[in-house]
PDB file of N, CA and C in Angstrom:
ATOM      1  N   MET A   1     157.087  96.025 211.463  1.00  0.00           N
ATOM      2  CA  MET A   1     156.429  95.581 212.642  1.00  0.00           C
ATOM      3  C   MET A   1     156.767  94.119 212.889  1.00  0.00           C
ATOM      4  N   THR A   2     157.115  93.789 214.135  1.00  0.00           N
ATOM      5  CA  THR A   2     157.503  92.418 214.460  1.00  0.00           C
ATOM      6  C   THR A   2     156.367  91.732 215.220  1.00  0.00           C
ATOM      7  N   ALA A   3     156.331  90.450 215.090  1.00  0.00           N
ATOM      8  CA  ALA A   3     155.300  89.662 215.779  1.00  0.00           C
ATOM      9  C   ALA A   3     155.644  89.585 217.262  1.00  0.00           C
ATOM     10  N   PRO A   4     154.631  89.563 218.146  1.00  0.00           N
ATOM     11  CA  PRO A   4     154.913  89.462 219.577  1.00  0.00           C
ATOM     12  C   PRO A   4     155.533  88.106 219.906  1.00  0.00           C
ATOM     13  N   LYS A   5     156.363  88.119 220.914  1.00  0.00           N
ATOM     14  CA  LYS A   5     157.037  86.889 221.321  1.00  0.00           C
ATOM     15  C   LYS A   5     156.051  85.980 222.059  1.00  0.00           C
ATOM     16  N   ARG A   6     156.332  84.716 221.977  1.00  0.00           N
ATOM     17  CA  ARG A   6     155.472  83.715 222.618  1.00  0.00           C
ATOM     18  C   ARG A   6     155.389  83.936 224.120  1.00  0.00           C
ATOM     19  N   GLU A   7     156.505  84.248 224.743  1.00  0.00           N
ATOM     20  CA  GLU A   7     156.531  84.451 226.197  1.00  0.00           C
ATOM     21  C   GLU A   7     155.689  85.660 226.601  1.00  0.00           C
ATOM     22  N   ASP A   8     155.716  86.709 225.785  1.00  0.00           N
ATOM     23  CA  ASP A   8     154.930  87.904 226.075  1.00  0.00           C
ATOM     24  C   ASP A   8     153.433  87.602 226.001  1.00  0.00           C
ATOM     25  N   LEU A   9     153.037  86.817 224.996  1.00  0.00           N
ATOM     26  CA  LEU A   9     151.626  86.456 224.867  1.00  0.00           C
ATOM     27  C   LEU A   9     151.171  85.556 226.020  1.00  0.00           C
ATOM     28  N   GLN A  10     152.048  84.644 226.410  1.00  0.00           N
ATOM     29  CA  GLN A  10     151.712  83.750 227.514  1.00  0.00           C
ATOM     30  C   GLN A  10     151.587  84.548 228.816  1.00  0.00           C
ATOM     31  N   SER A  11     152.489  85.478 229.037  1.00  0.00           N
ATOM     32  CA  SER A  11     152.439  86.323 230.226  1.00  0.00           C
ATOM     33  C   SER A  11     151.168  87.172 230.239  1.00  0.00           C
ATOM     34  N   LEU A  12     150.813  87.718 229.074  1.00  0.00           N
ATOM     35  CA  LEU A  12     149.591  88.512 228.967  1.00  0.00           C
ATOM     36  C   LEU A  12     148.362  87.652 229.276  1.00  0.00           C
ATOM     37  N   GLY A  13     148.325  86.425 228.765  1.00  0.00           N
ATOM     38  CA  GLY A  13     147.213  85.509 229.033  1.00  0.00           C
ATOM     39  C   GLY A  13     147.084  85.193 230.512  1.00  0.00           C
ATOM     40  N   GLU A  14     148.200  84.949 231.185  1.00  0.00           N
ATOM     41  CA  GLU A  14     148.175  84.660 232.622  1.00  0.00           C
ATOM     42  C   GLU A  14     147.670  85.859 233.419  1.00  0.00           C
ATOM     43  N   ARG A  15     148.112  87.067 233.049  1.00  0.00           N
ATOM     44  CA  ARG A  15     147.650  88.263 233.756  1.00  0.00           C
ATOM     45  C   ARG A  15     146.161  88.500 233.531  1.00  0.00           C
ATOM     46  N   LEU A  16     145.684  88.238 232.302  1.00  0.00           N
ATOM     47  CA  LEU A  16     144.256  88.382 232.024  1.00  0.00           C
ATOM     48  C   LEU A  16     143.433  87.367 232.826  1.00  0.00           C
ATOM     49  N   ASP A  17     143.920  86.117 232.910  1.00  0.00           N
ATOM     50  CA  ASP A  17     143.224  85.101 233.705  1.00  0.00           C
ATOM     51  C   ASP A  17     143.166  85.497 235.177  1.00  0.00           C
ATOM     52  N   ALA A  18     144.260  86.008 235.711  1.00  0.00           N
ATOM     53  CA  ALA A  18     144.297  86.430 237.116  1.00  0.00           C
ATOM     54  C   ALA A  18     143.342  87.598 237.358  1.00  0.00           C
ATOM     55  N   ALA A  19     143.305  88.546 236.432  1.00  0.00           N
ATOM     56  CA  ALA A  19     142.400  89.687 236.583  1.00  0.00           C
ATOM     57  C   ALA A  19     140.946  89.239 236.496  1.00  0.00           C
ATOM     58  N   GLU A  20     140.659  88.286 235.638  1.00  0.00           N
ATOM     59  CA  GLU A  20     139.289  87.784 235.512  1.00  0.00           C
ATOM     60  C   GLU A  20     138.852  87.065 236.791  1.00  0.00           C
ATOM     61  N   LYS A  21     139.756  86.304 237.386  1.00  0.00           N
ATOM     62  CA  LYS A  21     139.418  85.622 238.642  1.00  0.00           C
ATOM     63  C   LYS A  21     139.165  86.613 239.768  1.00  0.00           C
ATOM     64  N   ARG A  22     139.946  87.690 239.810  1.00  0.00           N
ATOM     65  CA  ARG A  22     139.766  88.696 240.863  1.00  0.00           C
ATOM     66  C   ARG A  22     138.437  89.414 240.716  1.00  0.00           C
ATOM     67  N   ASN A  23     138.009  89.652 239.498  1.00  0.00           N
ATOM     68  CA  ASN A  23     136.797  90.422 239.239  1.00  0.00           C
ATOM     69  C   ASN A  23     135.541  89.561 239.121  1.00  0.00           C
ATOM     70  N   GLN A  24     135.703  88.257 239.199  1.00  0.00           N
ATOM     71  CA  GLN A  24     134.568  87.361 239.039  1.00  0.00           C
ATOM     72  C   GLN A  24     133.680  87.410 240.282  1.00  0.00           C
ATOM     73  N   VAL A  25     132.402  87.629 240.073  1.00  0.00           N
ATOM     74  CA  VAL A  25     131.427  87.683 241.155  1.00  0.00           C
ATOM     75  C   VAL A  25     130.823  86.298 241.310  1.00  0.00           C
ATOM     76  N   PRO A  26     130.867  85.718 242.515  1.00  0.00           N
ATOM     77  CA  PRO A  26     130.287  84.379 242.677  1.00  0.00           C
ATOM     78  C   PRO A  26     128.775  84.437 242.524  1.00  0.00           C
ATOM     79  N   ARG A  27     128.238  83.469 241.839  1.00  0.00           N
ATOM     80  CA  ARG A  27     126.789  83.407 241.634  1.00  0.00           C
ATOM     81  C   ARG A  27     126.137  82.835 242.889  1.00  0.00           C
ATOM     82  N   PRO A  28     125.143  83.502 243.388  1.00  0.00           N
ATOM     83  CA  PRO A  28     124.453  82.936 244.553  1.00  0.00           C
ATOM     84  C   PRO A  28     123.612  81.740 244.115  1.00  0.00           C
ATOM     85  N   SER A  29     123.579  80.727 244.975  1.00  0.00           N
ATOM     86  CA  SER A  29     122.750  79.568 244.645  1.00  0.00           C
ATOM     87  C   SER A  29     121.284  79.959 244.789  1.00  0.00           C
ATOM     88  N   PRO A  30     120.443  79.416 243.936  1.00  0.00           N
ATOM     89  CA  PRO A  30     119.034  79.789 244.002  1.00  0.00           C
ATOM     90  C   PRO A  30     118.407  79.336 245.316  1.00  0.00           C
ATOM     91  N   ALA A  31     117.488  80.126 245.821  1.00  0.00           N
ATOM     92  CA  ALA A  31     116.815  79.780 247.063  1.00  0.00           C
ATOM     93  C   ALA A  31     115.917  78.573 246.833  1.00  0.00           C
ATOM     94  N   ALA A  32     115.845  77.749 247.853  1.00  0.00           N
ATOM     95  CA  ALA A  32     115.004  76.559 247.757  1.00  0.00           C
ATOM     96  C   ALA A  32     113.537  76.981 247.721  1.00  0.00           C
ATOM     97  N   SER A  33     112.811  76.406 246.790  1.00  0.00           N
ATOM     98  CA  SER A  33     111.395  76.741 246.690  1.00  0.00           C
ATOM     99  C   SER A  33     110.609  75.924 247.712  1.00  0.00           C
ATOM    100  N   THR A  34     109.436  76.373 248.007  1.00  0.00           N
ATOM    101  CA  THR A  34     108.585  75.670 248.953  1.00  0.00           C
ATOM    102  C   THR A  34     108.248  74.277 248.439  1.00  0.00           C
ATOM    103  N   MET A  35     107.998  74.176 247.147  1.00  0.00           N
ATOM    104  CA  MET A  35     107.686  72.883 246.556  1.00  0.00           C
ATOM    105  C   MET A  35     108.882  71.938 246.634  1.00  0.00           C
ATOM    106  N   GLY A  36     110.068  72.462 246.410  1.00  0.00           N
ATOM    107  CA  GLY A  36     111.272  71.637 246.499  1.00  0.00           C
ATOM    108  C   GLY A  36     111.518  71.139 247.910  1.00  0.00           C
ATOM    109  N   ILE A  37     111.293  71.996 248.891  1.00  0.00           N
ATOM    110  CA  ILE A  37     111.470  71.597 250.289  1.00  0.00           C
ATOM    111  C   ILE A  37     110.452  70.517 250.650  1.00  0.00           C
ATOM    112  N   ALA A  38     109.193  70.715 250.261  1.00  0.00           N
ATOM    113  CA  ALA A  38     108.155  69.726 250.562  1.00  0.00           C
ATOM    114  C   ALA A  38     108.469  68.394 249.895  1.00  0.00           C
ATOM    115  N   PHE A  39     108.960  68.416 248.659  1.00  0.00           N
ATOM    116  CA  PHE A  39     109.299  67.187 247.956  1.00  0.00           C
ATOM    117  C   PHE A  39     110.447  66.468 248.653  1.00  0.00           C
ATOM    118  N   ARG A  40     111.434  67.222 249.127  1.00  0.00           N
ATOM    119  CA  ARG A  40     112.560  66.604 249.829  1.00  0.00           C
ATOM    120  C   ARG A  40     112.101  65.944 251.124  1.00  0.00           C
ATOM    121  N   PHE A  41     111.265  66.636 251.887  1.00  0.00           N
ATOM    122  CA  PHE A  41     110.771  66.066 253.143  1.00  0.00           C
ATOM    123  C   PHE A  41     109.953  64.802 252.880  1.00  0.00           C
ATOM    124  N   THR A  42     109.098  64.859 251.872  1.00  0.00           N
ATOM    125  CA  THR A  42     108.267  63.709 251.539  1.00  0.00           C
ATOM    126  C   THR A  42     109.123  62.527 251.110  1.00  0.00           C
ATOM    127  N   THR A  43     110.114  62.789 250.294  1.00  0.00           N
ATOM    128  CA  THR A  43     111.003  61.728 249.828  1.00  0.00           C
ATOM    129  C   THR A  43     111.760  61.094 250.982  1.00  0.00           C
ATOM    130  N   GLU A  44     112.256  61.921 251.900  1.00  0.00           N
ATOM    131  CA  GLU A  44     112.985  61.397 253.056  1.00  0.00           C
ATOM    132  C   GLU A  44     112.104  60.466 253.879  1.00  0.00           C
ATOM    133  N   LEU A  45     110.883  60.885 254.144  1.00  0.00           N
ATOM    134  CA  LEU A  45     109.994  60.113 255.003  1.00  0.00           C
ATOM    135  C   LEU A  45     109.493  58.851 254.313  1.00  0.00           C
ATOM    136  N   VAL A  46     109.023  58.967 253.088  1.00  0.00           N
ATOM    137  CA  VAL A  46     108.461  57.813 252.385  1.00  0.00           C
ATOM    138  C   VAL A  46     109.527  56.758 252.113  1.00  0.00           C
ATOM    139  N   SER A  47     110.717  57.166 251.731  1.00  0.00           N
ATOM    140  CA  SER A  47     111.768  56.183 251.456  1.00  0.00           C
ATOM    141  C   SER A  47     112.143  55.421 252.721  1.00  0.00           C
ATOM    142  N   ALA A  48     112.214  56.101 253.861  1.00  0.00           N
ATOM    143  CA  ALA A  48     112.525  55.402 255.108  1.00  0.00           C
ATOM    144  C   ALA A  48     111.412  54.424 255.482  1.00  0.00           C
ATOM    145  N   LEU A  49     110.159  54.800 255.278  1.00  0.00           N
ATOM    146  CA  LEU A  49     109.039  53.902 255.571  1.00  0.00           C
ATOM    147  C   LEU A  49     109.061  52.672 254.665  1.00  0.00           C
ATOM    148  N   LEU A  50     109.327  52.875 253.385  1.00  0.00           N
ATOM    149  CA  LEU A  50     109.366  51.750 252.451  1.00  0.00           C
ATOM    150  C   LEU A  50     110.527  50.803 252.752  1.00  0.00           C
ATOM    151  N   VAL A  51     111.680  51.368 253.047  1.00  0.00           N
ATOM    152  CA  VAL A  51     112.836  50.517 253.363  1.00  0.00           C
ATOM    153  C   VAL A  51     112.583  49.742 254.656  1.00  0.00           C
ATOM    154  N   GLY A  52     112.088  50.417 255.685  1.00  0.00           N
ATOM    155  CA  GLY A  52     111.800  49.734 256.947  1.00  0.00           C
ATOM    156  C   GLY A  52     110.758  48.638 256.774  1.00  0.00           C
ATOM    157  N   GLY A  53     109.665  48.946 256.079  1.00  0.00           N
ATOM    158  CA  GLY A  53     108.638  47.941 255.834  1.00  0.00           C
ATOM    159  C   GLY A  53     109.148  46.782 254.996  1.00  0.00           C
ATOM    160  N   GLY A  54     109.962  47.081 253.997  1.00  0.00           N
ATOM    161  CA  GLY A  54     110.528  46.029 253.151  1.00  0.00           C
ATOM    162  C   GLY A  54     111.467  45.112 253.916  1.00  0.00           C
ATOM    163  N   ILE A  55     112.290  45.689 254.758  1.00  0.00           N
ATOM    164  CA  ILE A  55     113.200  44.870 255.568  1.00  0.00           C
ATOM    165  C   ILE A  55     112.391  44.010 256.542  1.00  0.00           C
ATOM    166  N   GLY A  56     111.365  44.574 257.151  1.00  0.00           N
ATOM    167  CA  GLY A  56     110.516  43.804 258.060  1.00  0.00           C
ATOM    168  C   GLY A  56     109.811  42.661 257.349  1.00  0.00           C
ATOM    169  N   TYR A  57     109.316  42.935 256.149  1.00  0.00           N
ATOM    170  CA  TYR A  57     108.679  41.876 255.366  1.00  0.00           C
ATOM    171  C   TYR A  57     109.692  40.774 255.051  1.00  0.00           C
ATOM    172  N   GLY A  58     110.897  41.163 254.699  1.00  0.00           N
ATOM    173  CA  GLY A  58     111.947  40.189 254.416  1.00  0.00           C
ATOM    174  C   GLY A  58     112.304  39.356 255.631  1.00  0.00           C
ATOM    175  N   ILE A  59     112.347  39.989 256.788  1.00  0.00           N
ATOM    176  CA  ILE A  59     112.636  39.245 258.026  1.00  0.00           C
ATOM    177  C   ILE A  59     111.524  38.234 258.297  1.00  0.00           C
ATOM    178  N   ASP A  60     110.274  38.661 258.171  1.00  0.00           N
ATOM    179  CA  ASP A  60     109.150  37.740 258.375  1.00  0.00           C
ATOM    180  C   ASP A  60     109.197  36.578 257.392  1.00  0.00           C
ATOM    181  N   TRP A  61     109.483  36.894 256.132  1.00  0.00           N
ATOM    182  CA  TRP A  61     109.561  35.854 255.109  1.00  0.00           C
ATOM    183  C   TRP A  61     110.674  34.860 255.428  1.00  0.00           C
ATOM    184  N   ALA A  62     111.861  35.392 255.825  1.00  0.00           N
ATOM    185  CA  ALA A  62     113.004  34.530 256.107  1.00  0.00           C
ATOM    186  C   ALA A  62     112.729  33.623 257.319  1.00  0.00           C
ATOM    187  N   PHE A  63     112.134  34.176 258.367  1.00  0.00           N
ATOM    188  CA  PHE A  63     111.830  33.353 259.530  1.00  0.00           C
ATOM    189  C   PHE A  63     110.838  32.250 259.168  1.00  0.00           C
ATOM    190  N   ASP A  64     109.821  32.591 258.388  1.00  0.00           N
ATOM    191  CA  ASP A  64     108.814  31.609 258.007  1.00  0.00           C
ATOM    192  C   ASP A  64     109.416  30.541 257.094  1.00  0.00           C
ATOM    193  N   ARG A  65     110.278  30.963 256.204  1.00  0.00           N
ATOM    194  CA  ARG A  65     110.836  30.052 255.207  1.00  0.00           C
ATOM    195  C   ARG A  65     111.870  29.102 255.802  1.00  0.00           C
ATOM    196  N   TRP A  66     112.794  29.637 256.608  1.00  0.00           N
ATOM    197  CA  TRP A  66     113.922  28.823 257.042  1.00  0.00           C
ATOM    198  C   TRP A  66     113.792  28.250 258.448  1.00  0.00           C
ATOM    199  N   THR A  67     113.070  28.897 259.306  1.00  0.00           N
ATOM    200  CA  THR A  67     112.957  28.379 260.681  1.00  0.00           C
ATOM    201  C   THR A  67     111.550  27.904 260.995  1.00  0.00           C
ATOM    202  N   HIS A  68     110.631  28.115 260.110  1.00  0.00           N
ATOM    203  CA  HIS A  68     109.217  27.757 260.282  1.00  0.00           C
ATOM    204  C   HIS A  68     108.622  28.396 261.527  1.00  0.00           C
ATOM    205  N   VAL A  69     109.171  29.561 261.907  1.00  0.00           N
ATOM    206  CA  VAL A  69     108.613  30.356 262.989  1.00  0.00           C
ATOM    207  C   VAL A  69     107.763  31.441 262.329  1.00  0.00           C
ATOM    208  N   HIS A  70     106.497  31.467 262.658  1.00  0.00           N
ATOM    209  CA  HIS A  70     105.572  32.400 262.019  1.00  0.00           C
ATOM    210  C   HIS A  70     105.553  33.713 262.797  1.00  0.00           C
ATOM    211  N   THR A  71     106.323  34.674 262.314  1.00  0.00           N
ATOM    212  CA  THR A  71     106.425  35.976 262.973  1.00  0.00           C
ATOM    213  C   THR A  71     105.561  37.024 262.298  1.00  0.00           C
ATOM    214  N   ARG A  72     104.951  36.669 261.190  1.00  0.00           N
ATOM    215  CA  ARG A  72     104.172  37.627 260.431  1.00  0.00           C
ATOM    216  C   ARG A  72     103.022  38.159 261.251  1.00  0.00           C
ATOM    217  N   PRO A  73     102.744  39.411 261.342  1.00  0.00           N
ATOM    218  CA  PRO A  73     103.281  40.623 260.747  1.00  0.00           C
ATOM    219  C   PRO A  73     104.217  41.382 261.691  1.00  0.00           C
ATOM    220  N   TRP A  74     104.678  40.773 262.783  1.00  0.00           N
ATOM    221  CA  TRP A  74     105.401  41.507 263.817  1.00  0.00           C
ATOM    222  C   TRP A  74     106.730  42.070 263.342  1.00  0.00           C
ATOM    223  N   GLY A  75     107.463  41.366 262.513  1.00  0.00           N
ATOM    224  CA  GLY A  75     108.725  41.889 261.989  1.00  0.00           C
ATOM    225  C   GLY A  75     108.501  43.119 261.125  1.00  0.00           C
ATOM    226  N   MET A  76     107.457  43.056 260.286  1.00  0.00           N
ATOM    227  CA  MET A  76     107.174  44.199 259.420  1.00  0.00           C
ATOM    228  C   MET A  76     106.701  45.399 260.240  1.00  0.00           C
ATOM    229  N   ILE A  77     105.890  45.162 261.252  1.00  0.00           N
ATOM    230  CA  ILE A  77     105.410  46.265 262.087  1.00  0.00           C
ATOM    231  C   ILE A  77     106.578  46.916 262.817  1.00  0.00           C
ATOM    232  N   ALA A  78     107.450  46.098 263.404  1.00  0.00           N
ATOM    233  CA  ALA A  78     108.587  46.646 264.155  1.00  0.00           C
ATOM    234  C   ALA A  78     109.516  47.445 263.248  1.00  0.00           C
ATOM    235  N   MET A  79     109.828  46.910 262.078  1.00  0.00           N
ATOM    236  CA  MET A  79     110.737  47.610 261.177  1.00  0.00           C
ATOM    237  C   MET A  79     110.069  48.827 260.544  1.00  0.00           C
ATOM    238  N   PHE A  80     108.754  48.785 260.350  1.00  0.00           N
ATOM    239  CA  PHE A  80     108.031  49.950 259.843  1.00  0.00           C
ATOM    240  C   PHE A  80     108.113  51.087 260.852  1.00  0.00           C
ATOM    241  N   VAL A  81     107.961  50.769 262.146  1.00  0.00           N
ATOM    242  CA  VAL A  81     108.067  51.794 263.186  1.00  0.00           C
ATOM    243  C   VAL A  81     109.488  52.360 263.229  1.00  0.00           C
ATOM    244  N   LEU A  82     110.495  51.485 263.131  1.00  0.00           N
ATOM    245  CA  LEU A  82     111.884  51.972 263.101  1.00  0.00           C
ATOM    246  C   LEU A  82     112.134  52.824 261.853  1.00  0.00           C
ATOM    247  N   GLY A  83     111.545  52.433 260.726  1.00  0.00           N
ATOM    248  CA  GLY A  83     111.667  53.234 259.507  1.00  0.00           C
ATOM    249  C   GLY A  83     111.005  54.590 259.664  1.00  0.00           C
ATOM    250  N   ALA A  84     109.863  54.625 260.348  1.00  0.00           N
ATOM    251  CA  ALA A  84     109.194  55.904 260.602  1.00  0.00           C
ATOM    252  C   ALA A  84     110.066  56.803 261.462  1.00  0.00           C
ATOM    253  N   ALA A  85     110.675  56.225 262.491  1.00  0.00           N
ATOM    254  CA  ALA A  85     111.556  57.015 263.358  1.00  0.00           C
ATOM    255  C   ALA A  85     112.758  57.539 262.572  1.00  0.00           C
ATOM    256  N   ALA A  86     113.332  56.692 261.729  1.00  0.00           N
ATOM    257  CA  ALA A  86     114.467  57.128 260.909  1.00  0.00           C
ATOM    258  C   ALA A  86     114.044  58.211 259.927  1.00  0.00           C
ATOM    259  N   GLY A  87     112.858  58.068 259.343  1.00  0.00           N
ATOM    260  CA  GLY A  87     112.360  59.072 258.407  1.00  0.00           C
ATOM    261  C   GLY A  87     112.131  60.412 259.068  1.00  0.00           C
ATOM    262  N   ILE A  88     111.549  60.391 260.263  1.00  0.00           N
ATOM    263  CA  ILE A  88     111.318  61.638 260.995  1.00  0.00           C
ATOM    264  C   ILE A  88     112.654  62.285 261.350  1.00  0.00           C
ATOM    265  N   LEU A  89     113.620  61.482 261.766  1.00  0.00           N
ATOM    266  CA  LEU A  89     114.953  62.018 262.080  1.00  0.00           C
ATOM    267  C   LEU A  89     115.590  62.637 260.836  1.00  0.00           C
ATOM    268  N   ASN A  90     115.431  61.994 259.684  1.00  0.00           N
ATOM    269  CA  ASN A  90     115.975  62.546 258.436  1.00  0.00           C
ATOM    270  C   ASN A  90     115.300  63.862 258.062  1.00  0.00           C
ATOM    271  N   VAL A  91     113.994  63.958 258.271  1.00  0.00           N
ATOM    272  CA  VAL A  91     113.277  65.199 257.969  1.00  0.00           C
ATOM    273  C   VAL A  91     113.754  66.318 258.887  1.00  0.00           C
ATOM    274  N   ILE A  92     113.969  66.006 260.166  1.00  0.00           N
ATOM    275  CA  ILE A  92     114.460  67.012 261.111  1.00  0.00           C
ATOM    276  C   ILE A  92     115.849  67.494 260.693  1.00  0.00           C
ATOM    277  N   ARG A  93     116.709  66.561 260.305  1.00  0.00           N
ATOM    278  CA  ARG A  93     118.060  66.945 259.857  1.00  0.00           C
ATOM    279  C   ARG A  93     118.003  67.813 258.606  1.00  0.00           C
ATOM    280  N   ALA A  94     117.141  67.439 257.653  1.00  0.00           N
ATOM    281  CA  ALA A  94     117.014  68.223 256.420  1.00  0.00           C
ATOM    282  C   ALA A  94     116.476  69.618 256.725  1.00  0.00           C
ATOM    283  N   ALA A  95     115.510  69.714 257.645  1.00  0.00           N
ATOM    284  CA  ALA A  95     114.961  71.023 258.017  1.00  0.00           C
ATOM    285  C   ALA A  95     116.028  71.897 258.667  1.00  0.00           C
ATOM    286  N   ASN A  96     116.838  71.308 259.541  1.00  0.00           N
ATOM    287  CA  ASN A  96     117.925  72.070 260.170  1.00  0.00           C
ATOM    288  C   ASN A  96     118.937  72.542 259.133  1.00  0.00           C
ATOM    289  N   GLU A  97     119.224  71.690 258.155  1.00  0.00           N
ATOM    290  CA  GLU A  97     120.167  72.067 257.098  1.00  0.00           C
ATOM    291  C   GLU A  97     119.622  73.231 256.266  1.00  0.00           C
ATOM    292  N   ILE A  98     118.354  73.162 255.913  1.00  0.00           N
ATOM    293  CA  ILE A  98     117.732  74.228 255.123  1.00  0.00           C
ATOM    294  C   ILE A  98     117.670  75.522 255.925  1.00  0.00           C
ATOM    295  N   ASN A  99     117.330  75.417 257.217  1.00  0.00           N
ATOM    296  CA  ASN A  99     117.299  76.613 258.066  1.00  0.00           C
ATOM    297  C   ASN A  99     118.673  77.253 258.184  1.00  0.00           C
ATOM    298  N   ALA A 100     119.711  76.431 258.300  1.00  0.00           N
ATOM    299  CA  ALA A 100     121.070  76.971 258.391  1.00  0.00           C
ATOM    300  C   ALA A 100     121.459  77.686 257.095  1.00  0.00           C
ATOM    301  N   GLU A 101     121.078  77.110 255.942  1.00  0.00           N
ATOM    302  CA  GLU A 101     121.384  77.759 254.667  1.00  0.00           C
ATOM    303  C   GLU A 101     120.662  79.097 254.540  1.00  0.00           C
ATOM    304  N   MET A 102     119.400  79.129 254.966  1.00  0.00           N
ATOM    305  CA  MET A 102     118.632  80.373 254.880  1.00  0.00           C
ATOM    306  C   MET A 102     119.179  81.427 255.835  1.00  0.00           C
ATOM    307  N   ALA A 103     119.587  81.018 257.022  1.00  0.00           N
ATOM    308  CA  ALA A 103     120.160  81.960 257.991  1.00  0.00           C
ATOM    309  C   ALA A 103     121.483  82.516 257.463  1.00  0.00           C
ATOM    310  N   LYS A 104     122.254  81.660 256.802  1.00  0.00           N
ATOM    311  CA  LYS A 104     123.525  82.110 256.235  1.00  0.00           C
ATOM    312  C   LYS A 104     123.287  83.133 255.134  1.00  0.00           C
ATOM    313  N   LYS A 105     122.287  82.920 254.305  1.00  0.00           N
ATOM    314  CA  LYS A 105     121.977  83.870 253.229  1.00  0.00           C
ATOM    315  C   LYS A 105     121.441  85.168 253.789  1.00  0.00           C
ATOM    316  N   ASP A 106     120.632  85.100 254.853  1.00  0.00           N
ATOM    317  CA  ASP A 106     120.105  86.314 255.459  1.00  0.00           C
ATOM    318  C   ASP A 106     121.196  87.118 256.148  1.00  0.00           C
ATOM    319  N   GLY A 107     122.209  86.431 256.675  1.00  0.00           N
ATOM    320  CA  GLY A 107     123.296  87.102 257.368  1.00  0.00           C
ATOM    321  C   GLY A 107     124.276  87.776 256.429  1.00  0.00           C
ATOM    322  N   ASP A 108     124.320  87.344 255.180  1.00  0.00           N
ATOM    323  CA  ASP A 108     125.278  87.932 254.222  1.00  0.00           C
ATOM    324  C   ASP A 108     124.883  89.310 253.789  1.00  0.00           C
TER     325      ASP A 108
END
């Protein structure tokens, strides 16, 4: 009995890999849980509010410090409102993305 040739073993390995790829079933991604969706929406909104409020506070601080113009609390209020608008827009985008994923799974 002779040992198999290296080329034959390599060819067999390639054919086995190709057959495994053809027969491989893609794993479906797990469905988003209600808690996960709520956490994502909350994170989107709260982070935008904090960033907007922080930037507004920084603007008020900078104006008071360097120009001696007392804008407090108007810069923070304005940027907080802009942060709220950005947060709501982010939540709407995330909801549309989740709805599209669910519609795609239902259509399959």
